[in-house]
């Protein structure tokens, strides 16, 4: 599949390959005759060798080129990408959760958005990231108020992700 970088998005013609990515893999957003991908979705597809990205001047951009641009837009991109990639590789559907105040919504295997609700919200963090109990409580409250389970994805120096599920318990 071929895409073009336009501002902070990757735009692809909605051809057979894009239709497969959109309908089978549930990635991107269809806008008229185009498939619009986020940086993270595009990076994942590039990593899987399913997408080639070009500048508007027809210069092919490499994975590292898109990664550098994406990091300018979001400094915490690498832990987010690692968690996204890991969840996708495990067969989960991963969608943005910005309107919930989280990074991602994770749908259980076999569940499509619209058919049922996401099971988890995911906050990927680098193992060197420090956050306060206040931040931790805020993340927990977001999950609780959206009736989802909270996953913290801890990304280590080797880019491996360890997940911690946090749940509210009443004594």
N, C-alpha and C. Protein backbone atom coordinates (compact mmCIF):
# COMPACT_ATOMS: atom_id res chain seq x y z
N UNK A 1 0.85 -1.16 0.00
CA UNK A 1 0.00 0.00 0.00
C UNK A 1 0.90 1.24 0.00
N UNK A 2 0.43 2.29 -0.63
CA UNK A 2 1.20 3.51 -0.77
C UNK A 2 0.45 4.64 -0.06
N UNK A 3 1.20 5.43 0.73
CA UNK A 3 0.59 6.55 1.42
C UNK A 3 1.45 7.79 1.31
N UNK A 4 0.82 8.94 1.59
CA UNK A 4 1.50 10.22 1.56
C UNK A 4 1.35 10.89 2.91
N UNK A 5 2.42 11.51 3.35
CA UNK A 5 2.36 12.22 4.62
C UNK A 5 1.79 13.62 4.36
N UNK A 6 0.73 13.91 5.11
CA UNK A 6 0.08 15.21 5.02
C UNK A 6 -0.14 15.68 6.46
N UNK A 7 0.60 16.72 6.83
CA UNK A 7 0.62 17.21 8.20
C UNK A 7 1.02 16.06 9.13
N UNK A 8 0.18 15.66 10.06
CA UNK A 8 0.55 14.59 11.00
C UNK A 8 -0.24 13.31 10.73
N UNK A 9 -0.60 13.10 9.47
CA UNK A 9 -1.36 11.91 9.10
C UNK A 9 -0.80 11.31 7.82
N UNK A 10 -1.11 10.05 7.61
CA UNK A 10 -0.72 9.37 6.39
C UNK A 10 -2.01 9.11 5.62
N UNK A 11 -2.06 9.57 4.37
CA UNK A 11 -3.25 9.47 3.54
C UNK A 11 -2.99 8.45 2.42
N UNK A 12 -3.89 7.48 2.30
CA UNK A 12 -3.78 6.45 1.27
C UNK A 12 -5.05 6.44 0.43
N UNK A 13 -4.92 6.11 -0.86
CA UNK A 13 -6.11 5.90 -1.67
C UNK A 13 -6.84 4.68 -1.12
N UNK A 14 -8.17 4.74 -1.15
CA UNK A 14 -8.95 3.62 -0.61
C UNK A 14 -9.11 2.56 -1.69
N UNK A 15 -8.01 1.83 -1.93
CA UNK A 15 -8.02 0.74 -2.91
C UNK A 15 -8.26 -0.58 -2.18
N UNK A 16 -8.05 -1.70 -2.86
CA UNK A 16 -8.30 -3.02 -2.24
C UNK A 16 -7.43 -3.26 -1.01
N UNK A 17 -6.13 -2.85 -1.09
CA UNK A 17 -5.24 -3.03 0.06
C UNK A 17 -5.70 -2.18 1.25
N UNK A 18 -6.07 -0.94 0.98
CA UNK A 18 -6.54 -0.06 2.05
C UNK A 18 -7.85 -0.58 2.64
N UNK A 19 -8.72 -1.10 1.79
CA UNK A 19 -9.98 -1.66 2.27
C UNK A 19 -9.73 -2.83 3.21
N UNK A 20 -8.74 -3.66 2.87
CA UNK A 20 -8.40 -4.81 3.73
C UNK A 20 -7.87 -4.32 5.08
N UNK A 21 -6.99 -3.33 5.05
CA UNK A 21 -6.43 -2.77 6.29
C UNK A 21 -7.56 -2.19 7.15
N UNK A 22 -8.47 -1.48 6.51
CA UNK A 22 -9.57 -0.82 7.22
C UNK A 22 -10.59 -1.83 7.75
N UNK A 23 -11.05 -2.74 6.90
CA UNK A 23 -12.14 -3.62 7.31
C UNK A 23 -11.68 -4.87 8.05
N UNK A 24 -10.55 -5.44 7.67
CA UNK A 24 -10.08 -6.66 8.34
C UNK A 24 -9.24 -6.34 9.57
N UNK A 25 -8.29 -5.42 9.42
CA UNK A 25 -7.39 -5.09 10.52
C UNK A 25 -7.92 -3.97 11.40
N UNK A 26 -9.00 -3.33 10.95
CA UNK A 26 -9.64 -2.25 11.70
C UNK A 26 -8.66 -1.14 12.06
N UNK A 27 -7.95 -0.70 11.04
CA UNK A 27 -6.98 0.38 11.22
C UNK A 27 -7.39 1.56 10.36
N UNK A 28 -7.11 2.75 10.86
CA UNK A 28 -7.37 3.95 10.10
C UNK A 28 -8.81 4.40 10.15
N UNK A 29 -9.05 5.51 9.46
CA UNK A 29 -10.38 6.09 9.35
C UNK A 29 -10.65 6.34 7.87
N UNK A 30 -11.82 5.92 7.40
CA UNK A 30 -12.17 6.16 6.01
C UNK A 30 -12.77 7.56 5.90
N UNK A 31 -12.18 8.37 5.03
CA UNK A 31 -12.68 9.71 4.74
C UNK A 31 -12.86 9.81 3.24
N UNK A 32 -14.12 9.69 2.81
CA UNK A 32 -14.48 9.70 1.39
C UNK A 32 -13.73 8.60 0.65
N UNK A 33 -12.81 8.94 -0.25
CA UNK A 33 -12.09 7.93 -1.03
C UNK A 33 -10.69 7.69 -0.50
N UNK A 34 -10.43 8.07 0.76
CA UNK A 34 -9.09 7.95 1.34
C UNK A 34 -9.15 7.17 2.65
N UNK A 35 -8.03 6.53 2.96
CA UNK A 35 -7.82 5.92 4.27
C UNK A 35 -6.81 6.79 4.99
N UNK A 36 -7.17 7.25 6.18
CA UNK A 36 -6.31 8.14 6.95
C UNK A 36 -5.76 7.35 8.13
N UNK A 37 -4.43 7.32 8.23
CA UNK A 37 -3.75 6.58 9.29
C UNK A 37 -3.04 7.55 10.22
N UNK A 38 -3.00 7.19 11.49
CA UNK A 38 -2.20 7.94 12.45
C UNK A 38 -0.74 7.54 12.26
N UNK A 39 0.15 8.31 12.87
CA UNK A 39 1.57 7.95 12.82
C UNK A 39 1.80 6.53 13.33
N UNK A 40 1.18 6.20 14.45
CA UNK A 40 1.43 4.88 15.05
C UNK A 40 0.94 3.77 14.14
N UNK A 41 -0.24 3.94 13.55
CA UNK A 41 -0.75 2.93 12.62
C UNK A 41 0.17 2.80 11.41
N UNK A 42 0.61 3.94 10.88
CA UNK A 42 1.51 3.92 9.72
C UNK A 42 2.84 3.26 10.07
N UNK A 43 3.40 3.60 11.22
CA UNK A 43 4.66 2.98 11.64
C UNK A 43 4.50 1.46 11.76
N UNK A 44 3.39 1.03 12.32
CA UNK A 44 3.16 -0.41 12.46
C UNK A 44 3.08 -1.08 11.08
N UNK A 45 2.35 -0.48 10.16
CA UNK A 45 2.23 -1.06 8.81
C UNK A 45 3.56 -1.01 8.07
N UNK A 46 4.35 0.04 8.29
CA UNK A 46 5.68 0.09 7.69
C UNK A 46 6.57 -1.00 8.27
N UNK A 47 6.50 -1.20 9.58
CA UNK A 47 7.28 -2.23 10.25
C UNK A 47 6.93 -3.61 9.67
N UNK A 48 5.65 -3.80 9.37
CA UNK A 48 5.17 -5.08 8.81
C UNK A 48 5.36 -5.17 7.30
N UNK A 49 5.95 -4.13 6.71
CA UNK A 49 6.22 -4.07 5.27
C UNK A 49 4.92 -4.09 4.45
N UNK A 50 3.88 -3.45 4.98
CA UNK A 50 2.60 -3.38 4.28
C UNK A 50 2.29 -1.96 3.80
N UNK A 51 3.18 -1.02 4.08
CA UNK A 51 2.95 0.38 3.71
C UNK A 51 4.27 1.03 3.33
N UNK A 52 4.24 1.79 2.25
CA UNK A 52 5.35 2.64 1.85
C UNK A 52 4.83 4.07 1.89
N UNK A 53 5.58 4.95 2.54
CA UNK A 53 5.14 6.34 2.71
C UNK A 53 6.05 7.26 1.90
N UNK A 54 5.40 8.23 1.26
CA UNK A 54 6.11 9.20 0.44
C UNK A 54 5.77 10.61 0.91
N UNK A 55 6.71 11.52 0.66
CA UNK A 55 6.42 12.93 0.87
C UNK A 55 5.56 13.39 -0.31
N UNK A 56 5.00 14.57 -0.22
CA UNK A 56 4.20 15.08 -1.34
C UNK A 56 5.05 15.33 -2.59
N UNK A 57 6.39 15.37 -2.40
CA UNK A 57 7.31 15.53 -3.53
C UNK A 57 7.77 14.18 -4.08
N UNK A 58 7.07 13.10 -3.66
CA UNK A 58 7.35 11.73 -4.14
C UNK A 58 8.66 11.15 -3.64
N UNK A 59 9.20 11.68 -2.55
CA UNK A 59 10.40 11.09 -1.95
C UNK A 59 9.96 10.02 -0.96
N UNK A 60 10.51 8.81 -1.12
CA UNK A 60 10.14 7.73 -0.20
C UNK A 60 10.72 8.02 1.18
N UNK A 61 9.89 7.86 2.19
CA UNK A 61 10.30 8.07 3.57
C UNK A 61 10.46 6.71 4.25
N UNK A 62 11.51 6.57 5.00
CA UNK A 62 11.79 5.32 5.70
C UNK A 62 11.11 5.32 7.08
N UNK A 63 11.09 4.16 7.69
CA UNK A 63 10.52 4.01 9.04
C UNK A 63 11.10 5.06 9.98
N UNK A 64 12.44 5.19 9.98
CA UNK A 64 13.09 6.15 10.88
C UNK A 64 12.71 7.60 10.58
N UNK A 65 12.43 7.90 9.32
CA UNK A 65 11.99 9.26 8.97
C UNK A 65 10.64 9.56 9.60
N UNK A 66 9.71 8.62 9.48
CA UNK A 66 8.37 8.81 10.06
C UNK A 66 8.46 8.81 11.58
N UNK A 67 9.31 7.96 12.12
CA UNK A 67 9.49 7.91 13.57
C UNK A 67 9.98 9.27 14.10
N UNK A 68 10.93 9.85 13.41
CA UNK A 68 11.47 11.16 13.83
C UNK A 68 10.37 12.23 13.79
N UNK A 69 9.57 12.24 12.72
CA UNK A 69 8.47 13.21 12.62
C UNK A 69 7.43 12.97 13.72
N UNK A 70 7.13 11.72 13.97
CA UNK A 70 6.13 11.38 14.99
C UNK A 70 6.61 11.75 16.38
N UNK A 71 7.91 11.59 16.64
CA UNK A 71 8.45 11.96 17.95
C UNK A 71 8.40 13.47 18.18
N UNK A 72 8.48 14.25 17.09
CA UNK A 72 8.34 15.70 17.23
C UNK A 72 6.93 16.04 17.70
N UNK A 73 5.95 15.31 17.21
CA UNK A 73 4.56 15.55 17.58
C UNK A 73 4.23 15.00 18.96
N UNK A 74 4.94 13.94 19.37
CA UNK A 74 4.67 13.30 20.66
C UNK A 74 5.97 12.70 21.19
N UNK A 75 6.53 13.31 22.22
CA UNK A 75 7.81 12.85 22.77
C UNK A 75 7.72 11.44 23.34
N UNK A 76 6.56 11.04 23.81
CA UNK A 76 6.39 9.70 24.40
C UNK A 76 5.97 8.67 23.36
N UNK A 77 6.30 8.90 22.12
CA UNK A 77 5.84 8.03 21.05
C UNK A 77 6.40 6.61 21.14
N UNK A 78 7.67 6.46 21.47
CA UNK A 78 8.26 5.12 21.41
C UNK A 78 7.56 4.13 22.35
N UNK A 79 7.32 4.44 23.61
CA UNK A 79 6.58 3.47 24.44
C UNK A 79 5.18 3.20 23.90
N UNK A 80 4.55 4.22 23.34
CA UNK A 80 3.22 4.04 22.76
C UNK A 80 3.29 3.10 21.57
N UNK A 81 4.29 3.31 20.69
CA UNK A 81 4.44 2.43 19.54
C UNK A 81 4.73 0.99 19.97
N UNK A 82 5.61 0.82 20.92
CA UNK A 82 5.96 -0.53 21.38
C UNK A 82 4.73 -1.28 21.91
N UNK A 83 3.93 -0.60 22.71
CA UNK A 83 2.73 -1.23 23.25
C UNK A 83 1.71 -1.50 22.15
N UNK A 84 1.54 -0.55 21.24
CA UNK A 84 0.62 -0.73 20.12
C UNK A 84 1.03 -1.96 19.30
N UNK A 85 2.30 -2.01 18.93
CA UNK A 85 2.83 -3.12 18.13
C UNK A 85 2.64 -4.44 18.86
N UNK A 86 2.97 -4.47 20.14
CA UNK A 86 2.86 -5.70 20.91
C UNK A 86 1.41 -6.19 20.96
N UNK A 87 0.49 -5.28 21.23
CA UNK A 87 -0.92 -5.67 21.30
C UNK A 87 -1.44 -6.14 19.94
N UNK A 88 -1.08 -5.44 18.88
CA UNK A 88 -1.49 -5.84 17.53
C UNK A 88 -0.91 -7.21 17.19
N UNK A 89 0.37 -7.41 17.51
CA UNK A 89 1.01 -8.69 17.23
C UNK A 89 0.35 -9.84 18.01
N UNK A 90 -0.24 -9.53 19.15
CA UNK A 90 -0.94 -10.54 19.95
C UNK A 90 -2.37 -10.78 19.47
N UNK A 91 -2.81 -10.00 18.48
CA UNK A 91 -4.14 -10.22 17.90
C UNK A 91 -5.25 -9.34 18.45
N UNK A 92 -4.89 -8.32 19.23
CA UNK A 92 -5.91 -7.42 19.78
C UNK A 92 -6.16 -6.26 18.82
N UNK A 93 -7.38 -5.73 18.86
CA UNK A 93 -7.71 -4.51 18.13
C UNK A 93 -7.37 -3.34 19.05
N UNK A 94 -6.61 -2.39 18.53
CA UNK A 94 -6.15 -1.25 19.31
C UNK A 94 -6.65 0.02 18.64
N UNK A 95 -7.38 0.82 19.38
CA UNK A 95 -7.89 2.09 18.88
C UNK A 95 -7.51 3.20 19.85
N UNK A 96 -7.52 4.42 19.38
CA UNK A 96 -7.20 5.55 20.23
C UNK A 96 -8.26 5.69 21.34
N UNK A 97 -7.84 6.27 22.44
CA UNK A 97 -8.76 6.50 23.57
C UNK A 97 -8.65 7.92 24.08
N UNK A 98 -8.31 8.83 23.19
CA UNK A 98 -8.11 10.22 23.61
C UNK A 98 -9.35 10.81 24.25
N UNK A 99 -10.53 10.46 23.74
CA UNK A 99 -11.74 11.04 24.33
C UNK A 99 -12.00 10.50 25.74
N UNK A 100 -11.35 9.39 26.10
CA UNK A 100 -11.45 8.84 27.45
C UNK A 100 -10.33 9.34 28.35
N UNK A 101 -9.37 10.06 27.78
CA UNK A 101 -8.24 10.52 28.56
C UNK A 101 -7.16 9.47 28.72
N UNK A 102 -7.12 8.53 27.78
CA UNK A 102 -6.12 7.46 27.81
C UNK A 102 -5.45 7.40 26.44
N UNK A 103 -4.44 6.55 26.33
CA UNK A 103 -3.76 6.41 25.05
C UNK A 103 -4.51 5.50 24.09
N UNK A 104 -4.89 4.31 24.58
CA UNK A 104 -5.52 3.33 23.70
C UNK A 104 -6.69 2.62 24.38
N UNK A 105 -7.63 2.18 23.55
CA UNK A 105 -8.66 1.22 23.95
C UNK A 105 -8.24 -0.11 23.36
N UNK A 106 -8.36 -1.15 24.14
CA UNK A 106 -7.99 -2.49 23.68
C UNK A 106 -9.24 -3.35 23.70
N UNK A 107 -9.54 -3.94 22.54
CA UNK A 107 -10.69 -4.83 22.42
C UNK A 107 -10.22 -6.27 22.57
N UNK A 108 -11.01 -7.05 23.28
CA UNK A 108 -10.67 -8.46 23.46
C UNK A 108 -10.59 -9.14 22.10
N UNK A 109 -9.84 -10.21 22.00
CA UNK A 109 -9.67 -10.92 20.74
C UNK A 109 -11.04 -11.34 20.20
N UNK A 110 -11.22 -11.10 18.91
CA UNK A 110 -12.47 -11.47 18.25
C UNK A 110 -13.57 -10.43 18.35
N UNK A 111 -13.35 -9.37 19.11
CA UNK A 111 -14.35 -8.32 19.29
C UNK A 111 -13.99 -7.13 18.41
N UNK A 112 -14.98 -6.64 17.66
CA UNK A 112 -14.76 -5.48 16.81
C UNK A 112 -15.40 -4.25 17.44
N UNK A 113 -14.76 -3.09 17.28
CA UNK A 113 -15.39 -1.86 17.76
C UNK A 113 -16.77 -1.71 17.14
N UNK A 114 -17.71 -1.33 17.96
CA UNK A 114 -19.08 -1.20 17.49
C UNK A 114 -19.92 -2.42 17.83
N UNK A 115 -19.29 -3.59 17.90
CA UNK A 115 -20.00 -4.81 18.27
C UNK A 115 -20.09 -4.95 19.78
N UNK A 116 -19.04 -4.49 20.46
CA UNK A 116 -18.99 -4.52 21.91
C UNK A 116 -18.01 -3.44 22.34
N UNK A 117 -17.94 -3.22 23.64
CA UNK A 117 -17.06 -2.18 24.17
C UNK A 117 -15.65 -2.74 24.36
N UNK A 118 -14.69 -1.82 24.40
CA UNK A 118 -13.32 -2.20 24.69
C UNK A 118 -13.24 -2.77 26.11
N UNK A 119 -12.34 -3.71 26.29
CA UNK A 119 -12.17 -4.33 27.60
C UNK A 119 -11.24 -3.51 28.49
N UNK A 120 -10.20 -2.91 27.87
CA UNK A 120 -9.19 -2.20 28.64
C UNK A 120 -8.95 -0.81 28.07
N UNK A 121 -8.41 0.06 28.90
CA UNK A 121 -7.72 1.25 28.41
C UNK A 121 -6.26 1.05 28.80
N UNK A 122 -5.39 1.48 27.90
CA UNK A 122 -3.97 1.21 28.06
C UNK A 122 -3.19 2.52 28.13
N UNK A 123 -2.33 2.60 29.14
CA UNK A 123 -1.38 3.69 29.29
C UNK A 123 0.02 3.11 29.17
N UNK A 124 0.68 3.23 28.01
CA UNK A 124 2.06 2.76 27.90
C UNK A 124 3.02 3.78 28.50
N UNK A 125 4.00 3.31 29.26
CA UNK A 125 5.01 4.19 29.85
C UNK A 125 6.37 3.52 29.78
N UNK A 126 7.39 4.33 29.67
CA UNK A 126 8.76 3.84 29.73
C UNK A 126 9.06 3.42 31.17
N UNK A 127 9.92 2.43 31.33
CA UNK A 127 10.25 1.97 32.68
C UNK A 127 10.95 3.05 33.50
N UNK A 128 11.45 4.08 32.84
CA UNK A 128 12.11 5.17 33.56
C UNK A 128 11.16 6.33 33.89
N UNK A 129 9.93 6.23 33.42
CA UNK A 129 8.94 7.29 33.68
C UNK A 129 8.53 7.28 35.14
N UNK A 130 8.46 8.46 35.70
CA UNK A 130 7.99 8.58 37.09
C UNK A 130 6.66 9.30 37.06
N UNK A 131 5.70 8.76 37.79
CA UNK A 131 4.47 9.50 37.98
C UNK A 131 4.00 9.33 39.41
N UNK A 132 3.27 10.32 39.85
CA UNK A 132 2.87 10.38 41.25
C UNK A 132 1.68 9.47 41.52
N UNK A 133 1.38 9.30 42.79
CA UNK A 133 0.18 8.55 43.17
C UNK A 133 -1.06 9.26 42.64
N UNK A 134 -0.99 10.58 42.57
CA UNK A 134 -2.10 11.35 42.01
C UNK A 134 -2.32 10.95 40.55
N UNK A 135 -1.25 10.88 39.77
CA UNK A 135 -1.34 10.46 38.36
C UNK A 135 -1.88 9.04 38.25
N UNK A 136 -1.38 8.17 39.11
CA UNK A 136 -1.82 6.79 39.11
C UNK A 136 -3.31 6.70 39.45
N UNK A 137 -3.74 7.45 40.46
CA UNK A 137 -5.16 7.46 40.84
C UNK A 137 -6.02 8.03 39.71
N UNK A 138 -5.51 9.04 39.02
CA UNK A 138 -6.27 9.63 37.91
C UNK A 138 -6.47 8.60 36.80
N UNK A 139 -5.44 7.85 36.47
CA UNK A 139 -5.56 6.81 35.45
C UNK A 139 -6.55 5.74 35.88
N UNK A 140 -6.50 5.38 37.14
CA UNK A 140 -7.42 4.38 37.67
C UNK A 140 -8.86 4.88 37.62
N UNK A 141 -9.06 6.14 37.94
CA UNK A 141 -10.42 6.72 37.90
C UNK A 141 -10.96 6.78 36.47
N UNK A 142 -10.09 7.09 35.51
CA UNK A 142 -10.51 7.10 34.11
C UNK A 142 -11.03 5.72 33.71
N UNK A 143 -10.28 4.70 34.05
CA UNK A 143 -10.71 3.34 33.72
C UNK A 143 -12.02 3.00 34.41
N UNK A 144 -12.11 3.31 35.68
CA UNK A 144 -13.32 3.00 36.44
C UNK A 144 -14.54 3.74 35.87
N UNK A 145 -14.38 5.01 35.58
CA UNK A 145 -15.52 5.80 35.09
C UNK A 145 -15.96 5.39 33.69
N UNK A 146 -15.07 4.79 32.91
CA UNK A 146 -15.42 4.33 31.56
C UNK A 146 -15.78 2.85 31.54
N UNK A 147 -15.80 2.23 32.72
CA UNK A 147 -16.15 0.82 32.87
C UNK A 147 -15.22 -0.09 32.06
N UNK A 148 -13.95 0.25 32.14
CA UNK A 148 -12.93 -0.55 31.48
C UNK A 148 -11.86 -0.94 32.49
N UNK A 149 -11.11 -1.95 32.16
CA UNK A 149 -10.00 -2.34 33.01
C UNK A 149 -8.78 -1.49 32.64
N UNK A 150 -7.96 -1.21 33.63
CA UNK A 150 -6.77 -0.38 33.42
C UNK A 150 -5.56 -1.26 33.18
N UNK A 151 -4.87 -0.99 32.07
CA UNK A 151 -3.60 -1.65 31.78
C UNK A 151 -2.51 -0.59 31.74
N UNK A 152 -1.46 -0.85 32.48
CA UNK A 152 -0.24 -0.05 32.38
C UNK A 152 0.74 -0.92 31.61
N UNK A 153 1.22 -0.42 30.48
CA UNK A 153 2.20 -1.14 29.67
C UNK A 153 3.57 -0.57 29.94
N UNK A 154 4.39 -1.31 30.66
CA UNK A 154 5.72 -0.86 31.04
C UNK A 154 6.73 -1.30 29.97
N UNK A 155 7.33 -0.34 29.28
CA UNK A 155 8.25 -0.62 28.17
C UNK A 155 9.68 -0.49 28.68
N UNK A 156 10.44 -1.58 28.56
CA UNK A 156 11.82 -1.56 29.07
C UNK A 156 12.80 -1.09 28.00
N UNK A 157 14.08 -1.07 28.34
CA UNK A 157 15.12 -0.57 27.43
C UNK A 157 15.24 -1.39 26.15
N UNK A 158 14.80 -2.65 26.18
CA UNK A 158 14.84 -3.51 24.99
C UNK A 158 13.56 -3.41 24.18
N UNK A 159 12.68 -2.51 24.57
CA UNK A 159 11.37 -2.28 23.92
C UNK A 159 10.39 -3.42 24.14
N UNK A 160 10.64 -4.25 25.15
CA UNK A 160 9.68 -5.28 25.54
C UNK A 160 8.65 -4.65 26.46
N UNK A 161 7.42 -5.15 26.38
CA UNK A 161 6.33 -4.57 27.16
C UNK A 161 5.82 -5.59 28.17
N UNK A 162 5.71 -5.14 29.42
CA UNK A 162 5.10 -5.93 30.48
C UNK A 162 3.84 -5.19 30.90
N UNK A 163 2.74 -5.93 30.99
CA UNK A 163 1.45 -5.30 31.30
C UNK A 163 1.05 -5.58 32.73
N UNK A 164 0.53 -4.54 33.34
CA UNK A 164 -0.02 -4.66 34.69
C UNK A 164 -1.47 -4.22 34.63
N UNK A 165 -2.36 -5.10 35.03
CA UNK A 165 -3.77 -4.75 35.08
C UNK A 165 -4.10 -4.29 36.50
N UNK A 166 -4.69 -3.14 36.61
CA UNK A 166 -5.04 -2.57 37.92
C UNK A 166 -6.55 -2.59 38.04
N UNK A 167 -7.03 -3.11 39.14
CA UNK A 167 -8.47 -3.21 39.34
C UNK A 167 -8.87 -2.64 40.69
N UNK A 168 -10.09 -2.10 40.76
CA UNK A 168 -10.65 -1.63 42.01
C UNK A 168 -11.19 -2.84 42.75
N UNK A 169 -10.93 -2.89 44.04
CA UNK A 169 -11.47 -3.97 44.87
C UNK A 169 -12.14 -3.36 46.09
N UNK A 170 -13.27 -3.89 46.41
CA UNK A 170 -13.95 -3.46 47.62
C UNK A 170 -13.76 -4.55 48.68
N UNK A 171 -13.34 -4.15 49.87
CA UNK A 171 -13.08 -5.16 50.92
C UNK A 171 -14.41 -5.74 51.44
